[in-house]
Amino acid sequence: MKALISSDRVPAPAGPYSPGLRVGEWIFLSGQGGFDTTTGKVVSDDLAEQTEQTFNNIETVLEAAGASLDDVISCLVHLVDLADFPAFNAVYEQKFTGVKPVRTTVRADLVAGLLVEITVIARAL
């Protein structure tokens, strides 16, 4: 059985999808971006700032599911410009300590001024 994961501390979905779902011990998050939690607008046109806010949003949804970044197993990262990879990676390395999740990074056109979007799968017992 799947259960909705949401939080009023992240922007509401812009379409017909769930911020996250919990299926047993598995947690699946929709792609998160650098949207400000109060205004719903992109926080900045700076990749590092967007990445930081993206992780803040991920952590908030994970917390609503009773999990944390320590429970993340897989990350799918979309970057508008792969030249931004070093700036993205610098923030990413600060967020995950110990054993890092598996990760795929691809170039993608994103909506609403986003420079980065991250989807995660986590497992929390």
N, C-alpha and C. Protein backbone atom coordinates (compact mmCIF):
# COMPACT_ATOMS: atom_id res chain seq x y z
N MET A 1 0.85 -1.18 0.00
CA MET A 1 0.00 0.00 0.00
C MET A 1 0.89 1.24 0.00
N LYS A 2 0.55 2.22 -0.81
CA LYS A 2 1.34 3.44 -0.87
C LYS A 2 0.67 4.54 -0.06
N ALA A 3 1.52 5.37 0.55
CA ALA A 3 1.02 6.48 1.37
C ALA A 3 1.66 7.78 0.89
N LEU A 4 0.85 8.81 0.82
CA LEU A 4 1.31 10.13 0.40
C LEU A 4 2.26 10.72 1.44
N ILE A 5 3.32 11.34 0.95
CA ILE A 5 4.23 12.11 1.80
C ILE A 5 4.15 13.55 1.31
N SER A 6 3.85 14.47 2.20
CA SER A 6 3.82 15.88 1.81
C SER A 6 4.16 16.71 3.03
N SER A 7 4.40 17.97 2.79
CA SER A 7 4.70 18.90 3.87
C SER A 7 4.30 20.29 3.42
N ASP A 8 3.74 21.05 4.35
CA ASP A 8 3.41 22.44 4.02
C ASP A 8 4.66 23.32 4.05
N ARG A 9 5.82 22.70 4.31
CA ARG A 9 7.08 23.44 4.34
C ARG A 9 7.84 23.35 3.02
N VAL A 10 7.22 22.78 1.98
CA VAL A 10 7.78 22.81 0.62
C VAL A 10 6.70 23.30 -0.33
N PRO A 11 7.08 23.88 -1.45
CA PRO A 11 6.07 24.35 -2.40
C PRO A 11 5.15 23.22 -2.85
N ALA A 12 3.89 23.54 -3.04
CA ALA A 12 2.92 22.55 -3.51
C ALA A 12 3.30 22.10 -4.91
N PRO A 13 2.98 20.85 -5.27
CA PRO A 13 3.27 20.38 -6.63
C PRO A 13 2.62 21.28 -7.67
N ALA A 14 3.33 21.47 -8.77
CA ALA A 14 2.84 22.32 -9.86
C ALA A 14 1.96 21.55 -10.83
N GLY A 15 1.73 20.28 -10.55
CA GLY A 15 0.93 19.45 -11.44
C GLY A 15 0.32 18.29 -10.69
N PRO A 16 -0.23 17.34 -11.43
CA PRO A 16 -0.91 16.20 -10.81
C PRO A 16 0.06 15.09 -10.41
N TYR A 17 0.86 15.34 -9.37
CA TYR A 17 1.78 14.34 -8.86
C TYR A 17 1.96 14.55 -7.36
N SER A 18 2.50 13.55 -6.70
CA SER A 18 2.74 13.61 -5.26
C SER A 18 4.18 14.03 -4.99
N PRO A 19 4.41 14.83 -3.95
CA PRO A 19 5.79 15.17 -3.60
C PRO A 19 6.60 13.93 -3.26
N GLY A 20 5.94 12.98 -2.63
CA GLY A 20 6.60 11.73 -2.29
C GLY A 20 5.59 10.66 -1.95
N LEU A 21 6.04 9.42 -2.05
CA LEU A 21 5.22 8.27 -1.68
C LEU A 21 6.07 7.34 -0.83
N ARG A 22 5.42 6.75 0.16
CA ARG A 22 6.06 5.72 0.96
C ARG A 22 5.35 4.41 0.66
N VAL A 23 6.15 3.41 0.32
CA VAL A 23 5.63 2.07 0.07
C VAL A 23 6.43 1.14 0.97
N GLY A 24 5.83 0.77 2.10
CA GLY A 24 6.57 -0.01 3.08
C GLY A 24 7.75 0.80 3.60
N GLU A 25 8.93 0.23 3.47
CA GLU A 25 10.13 0.94 3.94
C GLU A 25 10.77 1.80 2.86
N TRP A 26 10.19 1.78 1.66
CA TRP A 26 10.74 2.54 0.52
C TRP A 26 10.08 3.90 0.40
N ILE A 27 10.89 4.91 0.10
CA ILE A 27 10.42 6.29 -0.05
C ILE A 27 10.87 6.79 -1.41
N PHE A 28 9.90 7.28 -2.18
CA PHE A 28 10.16 7.77 -3.53
C PHE A 28 9.76 9.24 -3.57
N LEU A 29 10.71 10.12 -3.89
CA LEU A 29 10.42 11.55 -4.00
C LEU A 29 10.36 11.97 -5.45
N SER A 30 9.38 12.81 -5.77
CA SER A 30 9.36 13.46 -7.08
C SER A 30 10.55 14.39 -7.15
N GLY A 31 10.91 14.78 -8.37
CA GLY A 31 12.02 15.70 -8.54
C GLY A 31 11.80 16.98 -7.74
N GLN A 32 12.82 17.37 -7.01
CA GLN A 32 12.79 18.60 -6.22
C GLN A 32 13.73 19.61 -6.84
N GLY A 33 13.34 20.87 -6.77
CA GLY A 33 14.16 21.95 -7.31
C GLY A 33 14.39 23.02 -6.26
N GLY A 34 15.06 24.06 -6.66
CA GLY A 34 15.44 25.14 -5.75
C GLY A 34 14.35 26.18 -5.55
N PHE A 35 13.15 25.73 -5.27
CA PHE A 35 12.04 26.65 -5.03
C PHE A 35 12.01 27.09 -3.57
N ASP A 36 11.84 28.39 -3.37
CA ASP A 36 11.69 28.95 -2.03
C ASP A 36 10.39 28.43 -1.42
N THR A 37 10.44 28.03 -0.17
CA THR A 37 9.28 27.44 0.47
C THR A 37 8.17 28.44 0.75
N THR A 38 8.50 29.72 0.83
CA THR A 38 7.45 30.72 1.10
C THR A 38 6.86 31.31 -0.16
N THR A 39 7.71 31.64 -1.11
CA THR A 39 7.23 32.32 -2.32
C THR A 39 6.87 31.35 -3.44
N GLY A 40 7.45 30.15 -3.41
CA GLY A 40 7.24 29.20 -4.50
C GLY A 40 8.05 29.53 -5.74
N LYS A 41 8.91 30.55 -5.63
CA LYS A 41 9.74 30.96 -6.77
C LYS A 41 11.15 30.39 -6.61
N VAL A 42 11.86 30.29 -7.73
CA VAL A 42 13.25 29.82 -7.70
C VAL A 42 14.07 30.80 -6.85
N VAL A 43 14.90 30.26 -5.95
CA VAL A 43 15.62 31.09 -4.99
C VAL A 43 16.63 32.04 -5.60
N SER A 44 17.22 31.66 -6.72
CA SER A 44 18.29 32.47 -7.29
C SER A 44 18.65 31.90 -8.66
N ASP A 45 19.47 32.62 -9.39
CA ASP A 45 19.97 32.07 -10.65
C ASP A 45 21.37 31.48 -10.47
N ASP A 46 21.77 31.28 -9.22
CA ASP A 46 23.06 30.69 -8.88
C ASP A 46 22.89 29.19 -8.64
N LEU A 47 23.67 28.37 -9.34
CA LEU A 47 23.53 26.92 -9.24
C LEU A 47 23.74 26.42 -7.82
N ALA A 48 24.76 26.90 -7.12
CA ALA A 48 25.03 26.42 -5.76
C ALA A 48 23.86 26.74 -4.82
N GLU A 49 23.32 27.94 -4.94
CA GLU A 49 22.18 28.31 -4.09
C GLU A 49 20.95 27.47 -4.41
N GLN A 50 20.72 27.22 -5.69
CA GLN A 50 19.59 26.36 -6.06
C GLN A 50 19.80 24.93 -5.55
N THR A 51 21.02 24.44 -5.63
CA THR A 51 21.30 23.09 -5.15
C THR A 51 21.08 23.00 -3.65
N GLU A 52 21.54 23.99 -2.92
CA GLU A 52 21.34 24.02 -1.46
C GLU A 52 19.85 24.00 -1.13
N GLN A 53 19.05 24.83 -1.81
CA GLN A 53 17.61 24.88 -1.55
C GLN A 53 16.95 23.57 -1.97
N THR A 54 17.41 22.98 -3.06
CA THR A 54 16.88 21.70 -3.50
C THR A 54 17.06 20.65 -2.41
N PHE A 55 18.25 20.60 -1.83
CA PHE A 55 18.49 19.65 -0.74
C PHE A 55 17.66 19.99 0.49
N ASN A 56 17.46 21.27 0.78
CA ASN A 56 16.58 21.63 1.90
C ASN A 56 15.18 21.07 1.67
N ASN A 57 14.68 21.19 0.44
CA ASN A 57 13.35 20.68 0.12
C ASN A 57 13.31 19.15 0.20
N ILE A 58 14.35 18.50 -0.27
CA ILE A 58 14.43 17.04 -0.18
C ILE A 58 14.41 16.61 1.29
N GLU A 59 15.22 17.26 2.10
CA GLU A 59 15.28 16.91 3.52
C GLU A 59 13.93 17.10 4.21
N THR A 60 13.20 18.14 3.82
CA THR A 60 11.89 18.39 4.42
C THR A 60 10.90 17.28 4.08
N VAL A 61 10.88 16.85 2.83
CA VAL A 61 9.96 15.77 2.43
C VAL A 61 10.39 14.46 3.08
N LEU A 62 11.69 14.19 3.11
CA LEU A 62 12.17 12.98 3.78
C LEU A 62 11.78 12.98 5.26
N GLU A 63 11.95 14.12 5.90
CA GLU A 63 11.59 14.25 7.31
C GLU A 63 10.11 13.93 7.53
N ALA A 64 9.26 14.38 6.62
CA ALA A 64 7.82 14.10 6.72
C ALA A 64 7.55 12.60 6.62
N ALA A 65 8.48 11.86 6.02
CA ALA A 65 8.35 10.41 5.89
C ALA A 65 9.07 9.67 7.00
N GLY A 66 9.67 10.42 7.93
CA GLY A 66 10.43 9.78 9.01
C GLY A 66 11.80 9.33 8.58
N ALA A 67 12.39 10.01 7.61
CA ALA A 67 13.69 9.62 7.07
C ALA A 67 14.61 10.84 7.00
N SER A 68 15.83 10.61 6.52
CA SER A 68 16.81 11.69 6.36
C SER A 68 17.69 11.39 5.16
N LEU A 69 18.61 12.28 4.89
CA LEU A 69 19.55 12.06 3.78
C LEU A 69 20.37 10.78 3.99
N ASP A 70 20.57 10.38 5.24
CA ASP A 70 21.30 9.14 5.52
C ASP A 70 20.60 7.92 4.94
N ASP A 71 19.30 8.03 4.69
CA ASP A 71 18.51 6.91 4.17
C ASP A 71 18.44 6.88 2.65
N VAL A 72 19.02 7.88 1.99
CA VAL A 72 18.95 7.97 0.52
C VAL A 72 19.86 6.91 -0.10
N ILE A 73 19.29 6.19 -1.06
CA ILE A 73 20.01 5.12 -1.75
C ILE A 73 20.39 5.54 -3.16
N SER A 74 19.52 6.35 -3.80
CA SER A 74 19.75 6.70 -5.20
C SER A 74 19.34 8.14 -5.47
N CYS A 75 20.14 8.83 -6.28
CA CYS A 75 19.84 10.19 -6.72
C CYS A 75 19.90 10.24 -8.24
N LEU A 76 18.89 10.85 -8.82
CA LEU A 76 18.90 11.16 -10.25
C LEU A 76 18.95 12.68 -10.34
N VAL A 77 20.02 13.19 -10.92
CA VAL A 77 20.27 14.63 -10.97
C VAL A 77 20.13 15.12 -12.40
N HIS A 78 19.35 16.18 -12.56
CA HIS A 78 19.21 16.84 -13.86
C HIS A 78 19.85 18.22 -13.75
N LEU A 79 20.80 18.51 -14.63
CA LEU A 79 21.44 19.82 -14.70
C LEU A 79 21.15 20.44 -16.06
N VAL A 80 20.84 21.72 -16.07
CA VAL A 80 20.63 22.42 -17.34
C VAL A 80 21.94 22.53 -18.11
N ASP A 81 23.04 22.74 -17.38
CA ASP A 81 24.35 22.92 -18.01
C ASP A 81 25.36 22.02 -17.30
N LEU A 82 25.90 21.04 -18.00
CA LEU A 82 26.85 20.14 -17.37
C LEU A 82 28.14 20.84 -16.94
N ALA A 83 28.39 22.04 -17.43
CA ALA A 83 29.53 22.83 -16.96
C ALA A 83 29.34 23.22 -15.49
N ASP A 84 28.09 23.15 -14.99
CA ASP A 84 27.79 23.45 -13.58
C ASP A 84 28.07 22.27 -12.66
N PHE A 85 28.49 21.14 -13.23
CA PHE A 85 28.69 19.94 -12.41
C PHE A 85 29.64 20.17 -11.23
N PRO A 86 30.78 20.83 -11.39
CA PRO A 86 31.66 21.03 -10.23
C PRO A 86 30.99 21.82 -9.10
N ALA A 87 30.24 22.87 -9.43
CA ALA A 87 29.54 23.65 -8.39
C ALA A 87 28.46 22.81 -7.72
N PHE A 88 27.74 22.02 -8.51
CA PHE A 88 26.73 21.12 -7.95
C PHE A 88 27.40 20.10 -7.03
N ASN A 89 28.47 19.49 -7.53
CA ASN A 89 29.14 18.42 -6.79
C ASN A 89 29.70 18.91 -5.45
N ALA A 90 30.15 20.16 -5.40
CA ALA A 90 30.67 20.71 -4.15
C ALA A 90 29.59 20.72 -3.06
N VAL A 91 28.37 21.10 -3.42
CA VAL A 91 27.26 21.09 -2.46
C VAL A 91 26.88 19.64 -2.14
N TYR A 92 26.78 18.82 -3.16
CA TYR A 92 26.39 17.41 -2.99
C TYR A 92 27.31 16.71 -1.99
N GLU A 93 28.62 16.92 -2.14
CA GLU A 93 29.59 16.26 -1.25
C GLU A 93 29.40 16.65 0.21
N GLN A 94 28.93 17.86 0.46
CA GLN A 94 28.69 18.30 1.83
C GLN A 94 27.44 17.64 2.42
N LYS A 95 26.50 17.26 1.57
CA LYS A 95 25.22 16.73 2.04
C LYS A 95 25.29 15.25 2.41
N PHE A 96 26.15 14.50 1.77
CA PHE A 96 26.22 13.07 2.03
C PHE A 96 27.57 12.72 2.65
N THR A 97 27.52 12.19 3.85
CA THR A 97 28.72 11.73 4.53
C THR A 97 28.68 10.21 4.57
N GLY A 98 29.80 9.60 4.76
CA GLY A 98 29.82 8.14 4.79
C GLY A 98 29.61 7.58 3.40
N VAL A 99 28.90 6.46 3.33
CA VAL A 99 28.64 5.81 2.05
C VAL A 99 27.67 6.68 1.24
N LYS A 100 28.10 7.06 0.06
CA LYS A 100 27.29 7.93 -0.81
C LYS A 100 26.24 7.11 -1.55
N PRO A 101 25.09 7.73 -1.87
CA PRO A 101 24.10 7.04 -2.69
C PRO A 101 24.63 6.83 -4.10
N VAL A 102 24.03 5.89 -4.82
CA VAL A 102 24.33 5.80 -6.25
C VAL A 102 23.76 7.05 -6.90
N ARG A 103 24.33 7.44 -8.03
CA ARG A 103 23.88 8.70 -8.65
C ARG A 103 24.04 8.63 -10.15
N THR A 104 23.06 9.21 -10.83
CA THR A 104 23.14 9.44 -12.26
C THR A 104 22.92 10.93 -12.47
N THR A 105 23.74 11.55 -13.30
CA THR A 105 23.60 12.98 -13.60
C THR A 105 23.45 13.13 -15.11
N VAL A 106 22.42 13.86 -15.51
CA VAL A 106 22.16 14.07 -16.93
C VAL A 106 21.89 15.55 -17.20
N ARG A 107 22.08 15.95 -18.45
CA ARG A 107 21.72 17.30 -18.88
C ARG A 107 20.26 17.27 -19.29
N ALA A 108 19.53 18.32 -18.90
CA ALA A 108 18.10 18.36 -19.22
C ALA A 108 17.62 19.81 -19.29
N ASP A 109 16.61 20.03 -20.09
CA ASP A 109 15.91 21.32 -20.06
C ASP A 109 14.92 21.25 -18.91
N LEU A 110 14.96 22.23 -18.04
CA LEU A 110 14.09 22.25 -16.87
C LEU A 110 13.14 23.45 -16.93
N VAL A 111 12.09 23.39 -16.15
CA VAL A 111 11.07 24.43 -16.15
C VAL A 111 11.39 25.54 -15.16
N ALA A 112 10.73 26.65 -15.35
CA ALA A 112 10.64 27.74 -14.36
C ALA A 112 11.98 28.29 -13.87
N GLY A 113 13.00 28.32 -14.71
CA GLY A 113 14.28 28.88 -14.30
C GLY A 113 15.14 27.96 -13.45
N LEU A 114 14.73 26.70 -13.32
CA LEU A 114 15.54 25.76 -12.54
C LEU A 114 16.82 25.43 -13.28
N LEU A 115 17.90 25.32 -12.52
CA LEU A 115 19.18 24.89 -13.06
C LEU A 115 19.49 23.46 -12.66
N VAL A 116 18.79 22.97 -11.61
CA VAL A 116 19.02 21.63 -11.08
C VAL A 116 17.70 21.07 -10.56
N GLU A 117 17.53 19.77 -10.74
CA GLU A 117 16.40 19.03 -10.16
C GLU A 117 16.95 17.68 -9.72
N ILE A 118 16.52 17.24 -8.54
CA ILE A 118 17.01 15.98 -7.99
C ILE A 118 15.84 15.12 -7.55
N THR A 119 15.87 13.87 -7.99
CA THR A 119 14.90 12.86 -7.57
C THR A 119 15.64 11.85 -6.71
N VAL A 120 15.04 11.44 -5.58
CA VAL A 120 15.70 10.47 -4.72
C VAL A 120 14.80 9.29 -4.39
N ILE A 121 15.46 8.18 -4.11
CA ILE A 121 14.82 7.00 -3.54
C ILE A 121 15.54 6.73 -2.24
N ALA A 122 14.78 6.49 -1.19
CA ALA A 122 15.36 6.22 0.12
C ALA A 122 14.71 4.97 0.72
N ARG A 123 15.36 4.44 1.73
CA ARG A 123 14.81 3.29 2.43
C ARG A 123 14.95 3.57 3.93
N ALA A 124 13.83 3.58 4.61
CA ALA A 124 13.82 3.83 6.06
C ALA A 124 13.06 2.71 6.73
N LEU A 125 13.71 2.07 7.66
CA LEU A 125 13.08 0.95 8.36
C LEU A 125 12.23 1.42 9.52
